[in-house]
């Protein structure tokens, strides 16, 4: 990412023009919600989900819960 400013001056005034460039990003696509079936206390439950990177930069993803 890049942020800079250009200062423009005329005979009567001075003003700044902000410049902002945003580089490529990773964009992760995954479900907004996860629904698990009923699971007894102290038992494990698993669910497989698809996580895709639809951006053009490499991404790292880690999900944990308690």
PDB file of N, CA and C in Angstrom:
ATOM      1  N   UNK A   1       0.842  -1.190   0.000  1.00  0.00           N
ATOM      2  CA  UNK A   1       0.000   0.000   0.000  1.00  0.00           C
ATOM      3  C   UNK A   1       0.884   1.250   0.000  1.00  0.00           C
ATOM      4  N   UNK A   2       0.338   2.299  -0.521  1.00  0.00           N
ATOM      5  CA  UNK A   2       1.112   3.529  -0.675  1.00  0.00           C
ATOM      6  C   UNK A   2       0.214   4.722  -0.382  1.00  0.00           C
ATOM      7  N   UNK A   3       0.680   5.617   0.460  1.00  0.00           N
ATOM      8  CA  UNK A   3      -0.070   6.835   0.782  1.00  0.00           C
ATOM      9  C   UNK A   3       0.878   8.020   0.638  1.00  0.00           C
ATOM     10  N   UNK A   4       0.422   9.021  -0.080  1.00  0.00           N
ATOM     11  CA  UNK A   4       1.223  10.227  -0.267  1.00  0.00           C
ATOM     12  C   UNK A   4       0.272  11.401  -0.471  1.00  0.00           C
ATOM     13  N   UNK A   5       0.797  12.580  -0.634  1.00  0.00           N
ATOM     14  CA  UNK A   5      -0.047  13.749  -0.887  1.00  0.00           C
ATOM     15  C   UNK A   5       0.682  14.708  -1.813  1.00  0.00           C
ATOM     16  N   UNK A   6      -0.089  15.367  -2.628  1.00  0.00           N
ATOM     17  CA  UNK A   6       0.444  16.398  -3.515  1.00  0.00           C
ATOM     18  C   UNK A   6      -0.066  17.733  -3.001  1.00  0.00           C
ATOM     19  N   UNK A   7       0.819  18.687  -2.855  1.00  0.00           N
ATOM     20  CA  UNK A   7       0.425  20.025  -2.417  1.00  0.00           C
ATOM     21  C   UNK A   7       0.358  20.916  -3.651  1.00  0.00           C
ATOM     22  N   UNK A   8      -0.824  21.462  -3.901  1.00  0.00           N
ATOM     23  CA  UNK A   8      -1.038  22.352  -5.043  1.00  0.00           C
ATOM     24  C   UNK A   8      -1.145  23.783  -4.527  1.00  0.00           C
ATOM     25  N   UNK A   9      -0.434  24.679  -5.177  1.00  0.00           N
ATOM     26  CA  UNK A   9      -0.447  26.079  -4.754  1.00  0.00           C
ATOM     27  C   UNK A   9      -0.815  26.955  -5.949  1.00  0.00           C
ATOM     28  N   UNK A  10      -1.732  27.875  -5.707  1.00  0.00           N
ATOM     29  CA  UNK A  10      -2.094  28.879  -6.709  1.00  0.00           C
ATOM     30  C   UNK A  10      -1.759  30.247  -6.128  1.00  0.00           C
ATOM     31  N   UNK A  11      -2.105  31.280  -6.849  1.00  0.00           N
ATOM     32  CA  UNK A  11      -1.857  32.627  -6.334  1.00  0.00           C
ATOM     33  C   UNK A  11      -2.713  32.929  -5.110  1.00  0.00           C
ATOM     34  N   UNK A  12      -3.886  32.288  -5.030  1.00  0.00           N
ATOM     35  CA  UNK A  12      -4.809  32.607  -3.931  1.00  0.00           C
ATOM     36  C   UNK A  12      -4.906  31.544  -2.845  1.00  0.00           C
ATOM     37  N   UNK A  13      -4.591  30.304  -3.155  1.00  0.00           N
ATOM     38  CA  UNK A  13      -4.786  29.261  -2.146  1.00  0.00           C
ATOM     39  C   UNK A  13      -3.777  28.131  -2.290  1.00  0.00           C
ATOM     40  N   UNK A  14      -3.793  27.280  -1.271  1.00  0.00           N
ATOM     41  CA  UNK A  14      -2.932  26.110  -1.226  1.00  0.00           C
ATOM     42  C   UNK A  14      -3.817  24.952  -0.763  1.00  0.00           C
ATOM     43  N   UNK A  15      -3.759  23.822  -1.444  1.00  0.00           N
ATOM     44  CA  UNK A  15      -4.559  22.674  -1.021  1.00  0.00           C
ATOM     45  C   UNK A  15      -3.790  21.386  -1.297  1.00  0.00           C
ATOM     46  N   UNK A  16      -4.208  20.344  -0.581  1.00  0.00           N
ATOM     47  CA  UNK A  16      -3.559  19.039  -0.697  1.00  0.00           C
ATOM     48  C   UNK A  16      -4.475  18.065  -1.428  1.00  0.00           C
ATOM     49  N   UNK A  17      -3.867  17.227  -2.235  1.00  0.00           N
ATOM     50  CA  UNK A  17      -4.593  16.157  -2.917  1.00  0.00           C
ATOM     51  C   UNK A  17      -4.018  14.838  -2.400  1.00  0.00           C
ATOM     52  N   UNK A  18      -4.826  14.067  -1.653  1.00  0.00           N
ATOM     53  CA  UNK A  18      -4.315  12.792  -1.147  1.00  0.00           C
ATOM     54  C   UNK A  18      -4.215  11.753  -2.267  1.00  0.00           C
ATOM     55  N   UNK A  19      -3.179  10.941  -2.204  1.00  0.00           N
ATOM     56  CA  UNK A  19      -2.986   9.851  -3.159  1.00  0.00           C
ATOM     57  C   UNK A  19      -2.869   8.566  -2.351  1.00  0.00           C
ATOM     58  N   UNK A  20      -3.678   7.595  -2.710  1.00  0.00           N
ATOM     59  CA  UNK A  20      -3.658   6.326  -1.996  1.00  0.00           C
ATOM     60  C   UNK A  20      -3.732   5.191  -3.010  1.00  0.00           C
ATOM     61  N   UNK A  21      -2.752   4.306  -2.991  1.00  0.00           N
ATOM     62  CA  UNK A  21      -2.727   3.144  -3.875  1.00  0.00           C
ATOM     63  C   UNK A  21      -2.779   1.890  -3.014  1.00  0.00           C
ATOM     64  N   UNK A  22      -3.655   1.001  -3.364  1.00  0.00           N
ATOM     65  CA  UNK A  22      -3.814  -0.235  -2.603  1.00  0.00           C
ATOM     66  C   UNK A  22      -3.297  -1.387  -3.451  1.00  0.00           C
ATOM     67  N   UNK A  23      -2.347  -2.119  -2.910  1.00  0.00           N
ATOM     68  CA  UNK A  23      -1.749  -3.239  -3.635  1.00  0.00           C
ATOM     69  C   UNK A  23      -2.653  -4.461  -3.645  1.00  0.00           C
ATOM     70  N   UNK A  24      -2.223  -5.503  -4.332  1.00  0.00           N
ATOM     71  CA  UNK A  24      -3.017  -6.731  -4.404  1.00  0.00           C
ATOM     72  C   UNK A  24      -3.181  -7.351  -3.024  1.00  0.00           C
ATOM     73  N   UNK A  25      -4.280  -8.040  -2.844  1.00  0.00           N
ATOM     74  CA  UNK A  25      -4.593  -8.642  -1.549  1.00  0.00           C
ATOM     75  C   UNK A  25      -5.085 -10.073  -1.727  1.00  0.00           C
ATOM     76  N   UNK A  26      -4.960 -10.844  -0.659  1.00  0.00           N
ATOM     77  CA  UNK A  26      -5.607 -12.154  -0.609  1.00  0.00           C
ATOM     78  C   UNK A  26      -7.071 -11.920  -0.250  1.00  0.00           C
ATOM     79  N   UNK A  27      -7.955 -12.651  -0.894  1.00  0.00           N
ATOM     80  CA  UNK A  27      -9.386 -12.544  -0.598  1.00  0.00           C
ATOM     81  C   UNK A  27      -9.882 -13.960  -0.327  1.00  0.00           C
ATOM     82  N   UNK A  28     -10.220 -14.235   0.926  1.00  0.00           N
ATOM     83  CA  UNK A  28     -10.675 -15.569   1.295  1.00  0.00           C
ATOM     84  C   UNK A  28     -12.188 -15.661   1.181  1.00  0.00           C
ATOM     85  N   UNK A  29     -12.638 -16.726   0.539  1.00  0.00           N
ATOM     86  CA  UNK A  29     -14.065 -16.977   0.348  1.00  0.00           C
ATOM     87  C   UNK A  29     -14.428 -18.216   1.157  1.00  0.00           C
ATOM     88  N   UNK A  30     -15.297 -18.044   2.147  1.00  0.00           N
ATOM     89  CA  UNK A  30     -15.750 -19.173   2.952  1.00  0.00           C
ATOM     90  C   UNK A  30     -17.150 -18.873   3.468  1.00  0.00           C
ATOM     91  N   UNK A  31     -17.868 -19.884   3.966  1.00  0.00           N
ATOM     92  CA  UNK A  31     -19.255 -19.677   4.396  1.00  0.00           C
ATOM     93  C   UNK A  31     -19.367 -18.636   5.511  1.00  0.00           C
ATOM     94  N   UNK A  32     -20.461 -17.872   5.485  1.00  0.00           N
ATOM     95  CA  UNK A  32     -20.723 -16.885   6.535  1.00  0.00           C
ATOM     96  C   UNK A  32     -21.143 -17.546   7.839  1.00  0.00           C
ATOM     97  N   UNK A  33     -21.781 -18.705   7.745  1.00  0.00           N
ATOM     98  CA  UNK A  33     -22.271 -19.406   8.938  1.00  0.00           C
ATOM     99  C   UNK A  33     -21.927 -20.881   8.841  1.00  0.00           C
ATOM    100  N   UNK A  34     -21.711 -21.508  10.001  1.00  0.00           N
ATOM    101  CA  UNK A  34     -21.518 -22.954  10.092  1.00  0.00           C
ATOM    102  C   UNK A  34     -22.580 -23.506  11.024  1.00  0.00           C
ATOM    103  N   UNK A  35     -23.278 -24.540  10.584  1.00  0.00           N
ATOM    104  CA  UNK A  35     -24.314 -25.155  11.413  1.00  0.00           C
ATOM    105  C   UNK A  35     -23.896 -26.592  11.724  1.00  0.00           C
ATOM    106  N   UNK A  36     -23.809 -26.903  13.004  1.00  0.00           N
ATOM    107  CA  UNK A  36     -23.470 -28.247  13.449  1.00  0.00           C
ATOM    108  C   UNK A  36     -24.725 -28.910  13.991  1.00  0.00           C
ATOM    109  N   UNK A  37     -24.822 -30.218  13.785  1.00  0.00           N
ATOM    110  CA  UNK A  37     -25.936 -30.953  14.381  1.00  0.00           C
ATOM    111  C   UNK A  37     -25.698 -31.059  15.888  1.00  0.00           C
ATOM    112  N   UNK A  38     -26.685 -31.531  16.611  1.00  0.00           N
ATOM    113  CA  UNK A  38     -26.551 -31.668  18.065  1.00  0.00           C
ATOM    114  C   UNK A  38     -25.391 -32.600  18.405  1.00  0.00           C
ATOM    115  N   UNK A  39     -24.650 -32.233  19.434  1.00  0.00           N
ATOM    116  CA  UNK A  39     -23.489 -33.012  19.850  1.00  0.00           C
ATOM    117  C   UNK A  39     -23.490 -33.078  21.376  1.00  0.00           C
ATOM    118  N   UNK A  40     -23.438 -34.292  21.952  1.00  0.00           N
ATOM    119  CA  UNK A  40     -23.418 -34.404  23.417  1.00  0.00           C
ATOM    120  C   UNK A  40     -22.178 -33.729  24.012  1.00  0.00           C
ATOM    121  N   UNK A  41     -22.281 -33.369  25.271  1.00  0.00           N
ATOM    122  CA  UNK A  41     -21.178 -32.738  25.989  1.00  0.00           C
ATOM    123  C   UNK A  41     -19.977 -33.682  26.025  1.00  0.00           C
ATOM    124  N   UNK A  42     -18.790 -33.134  25.845  1.00  0.00           N
ATOM    125  CA  UNK A  42     -17.510 -33.849  25.858  1.00  0.00           C
ATOM    126  C   UNK A  42     -17.360 -34.841  24.704  1.00  0.00           C
ATOM    127  N   UNK A  43     -18.120 -34.678  23.643  1.00  0.00           N
ATOM    128  CA  UNK A  43     -17.941 -35.453  22.425  1.00  0.00           C
ATOM    129  C   UNK A  43     -17.401 -34.515  21.348  1.00  0.00           C
ATOM    130  N   UNK A  44     -16.780 -35.083  20.356  1.00  0.00           N
ATOM    131  CA  UNK A  44     -16.248 -34.279  19.258  1.00  0.00           C
ATOM    132  C   UNK A  44     -17.237 -34.219  18.103  1.00  0.00           C
ATOM    133  N   UNK A  45     -17.192 -33.135  17.400  1.00  0.00           N
ATOM    134  CA  UNK A  45     -17.994 -32.970  16.192  1.00  0.00           C
ATOM    135  C   UNK A  45     -17.095 -32.342  15.133  1.00  0.00           C
ATOM    136  N   UNK A  46     -17.236 -32.783  13.901  1.00  0.00           N
ATOM    137  CA  UNK A  46     -16.402 -32.271  12.817  1.00  0.00           C
ATOM    138  C   UNK A  46     -17.265 -31.758  11.682  1.00  0.00           C
ATOM    139  N   UNK A  47     -16.704 -30.822  10.952  1.00  0.00           N
ATOM    140  CA  UNK A  47     -17.366 -30.315   9.755  1.00  0.00           C
ATOM    141  C   UNK A  47     -16.268 -29.908   8.778  1.00  0.00           C
ATOM    142  N   UNK A  48     -16.401 -30.332   7.554  1.00  0.00           N
ATOM    143  CA  UNK A  48     -15.463 -29.952   6.503  1.00  0.00           C
ATOM    144  C   UNK A  48     -16.013 -28.727   5.798  1.00  0.00           C
ATOM    145  N   UNK A  49     -15.151 -27.734   5.622  1.00  0.00           N
ATOM    146  CA  UNK A  49     -15.601 -26.559   4.892  1.00  0.00           C
ATOM    147  C   UNK A  49     -14.563 -26.168   3.860  1.00  0.00           C
ATOM    148  N   UNK A  50     -15.036 -25.552   2.805  1.00  0.00           N
ATOM    149  CA  UNK A  50     -14.175 -25.132   1.712  1.00  0.00           C
ATOM    150  C   UNK A  50     -13.781 -23.675   1.918  1.00  0.00           C
ATOM    151  N   UNK A  51     -12.483 -23.427   1.945  1.00  0.00           N
ATOM    152  CA  UNK A  51     -11.954 -22.060   2.027  1.00  0.00           C
ATOM    153  C   UNK A  51     -11.126 -21.849   0.767  1.00  0.00           C
ATOM    154  N   UNK A  52     -11.521 -20.862  -0.032  1.00  0.00           N
ATOM    155  CA  UNK A  52     -10.817 -20.582  -1.286  1.00  0.00           C
ATOM    156  C   UNK A  52     -10.221 -19.184  -1.250  1.00  0.00           C
ATOM    157  N   UNK A  53      -9.047 -19.049  -1.820  1.00  0.00           N
ATOM    158  CA  UNK A  53      -8.428 -17.739  -1.988  1.00  0.00           C
ATOM    159  C   UNK A  53      -8.762 -17.276  -3.404  1.00  0.00           C
ATOM    160  N   UNK A  54      -9.648 -16.288  -3.509  1.00  0.00           N
ATOM    161  CA  UNK A  54     -10.023 -15.777  -4.827  1.00  0.00           C
ATOM    162  C   UNK A  54      -9.235 -14.511  -5.174  1.00  0.00           C
ATOM    163  N   UNK A  55      -8.291 -14.161  -4.318  1.00  0.00           N
ATOM    164  CA  UNK A  55      -7.413 -13.021  -4.586  1.00  0.00           C
ATOM    165  C   UNK A  55      -6.206 -13.469  -5.390  1.00  0.00           C
ATOM    166  N   UNK A  56      -5.264 -12.562  -5.579  1.00  0.00           N
ATOM    167  CA  UNK A  56      -4.080 -12.895  -6.381  1.00  0.00           C
ATOM    168  C   UNK A  56      -2.802 -12.977  -5.548  1.00  0.00           C
ATOM    169  N   UNK A  57      -2.924 -12.872  -4.234  1.00  0.00           N
ATOM    170  CA  UNK A  57      -1.771 -12.955  -3.337  1.00  0.00           C
ATOM    171  C   UNK A  57      -1.964 -14.163  -2.425  1.00  0.00           C
ATOM    172  N   UNK A  58      -0.882 -14.834  -2.087  1.00  0.00           N
ATOM    173  CA  UNK A  58      -0.933 -15.995  -1.207  1.00  0.00           C
ATOM    174  C   UNK A  58      -1.528 -15.611   0.147  1.00  0.00           C
ATOM    175  N   UNK A  59      -2.299 -16.537   0.732  1.00  0.00           N
ATOM    176  CA  UNK A  59      -2.932 -16.280   2.028  1.00  0.00           C
ATOM    177  C   UNK A  59      -2.658 -17.435   2.976  1.00  0.00           C
ATOM    178  N   UNK A  60      -2.655 -17.131   4.258  1.00  0.00           N
ATOM    179  CA  UNK A  60      -2.577 -18.150   5.304  1.00  0.00           C
ATOM    180  C   UNK A  60      -3.876 -18.085   6.087  1.00  0.00           C
ATOM    181  N   UNK A  61      -4.402 -19.243   6.469  1.00  0.00           N
ATOM    182  CA  UNK A  61      -5.691 -19.306   7.145  1.00  0.00           C
ATOM    183  C   UNK A  61      -5.598 -20.290   8.297  1.00  0.00           C
ATOM    184  N   UNK A  62      -6.111 -19.884   9.448  1.00  0.00           N
ATOM    185  CA  UNK A  62      -6.147 -20.763  10.612  1.00  0.00           C
ATOM    186  C   UNK A  62      -7.442 -20.493  11.353  1.00  0.00           C
ATOM    187  N   UNK A  63      -8.155 -21.544  11.699  1.00  0.00           N
ATOM    188  CA  UNK A  63      -9.424 -21.420  12.413  1.00  0.00           C
ATOM    189  C   UNK A  63      -9.356 -22.291  13.651  1.00  0.00           C
ATOM    190  N   UNK A  64      -9.745 -21.744  14.779  1.00  0.00           N
ATOM    191  CA  UNK A  64      -9.790 -22.531  16.009  1.00  0.00           C
ATOM    192  C   UNK A  64     -11.004 -22.108  16.820  1.00  0.00           C
ATOM    193  N   UNK A  65     -11.461 -23.012  17.640  1.00  0.00           N
ATOM    194  CA  UNK A  65     -12.606 -22.702  18.514  1.00  0.00           C
ATOM    195  C   UNK A  65     -12.466 -23.497  19.797  1.00  0.00           C
ATOM    196  N   UNK A  66     -13.255 -23.103  20.774  1.00  0.00           N
ATOM    197  CA  UNK A  66     -13.218 -23.794  22.072  1.00  0.00           C
ATOM    198  C   UNK A  66     -14.613 -24.182  22.478  1.00  0.00           C
TER     199      UNK A  66
END
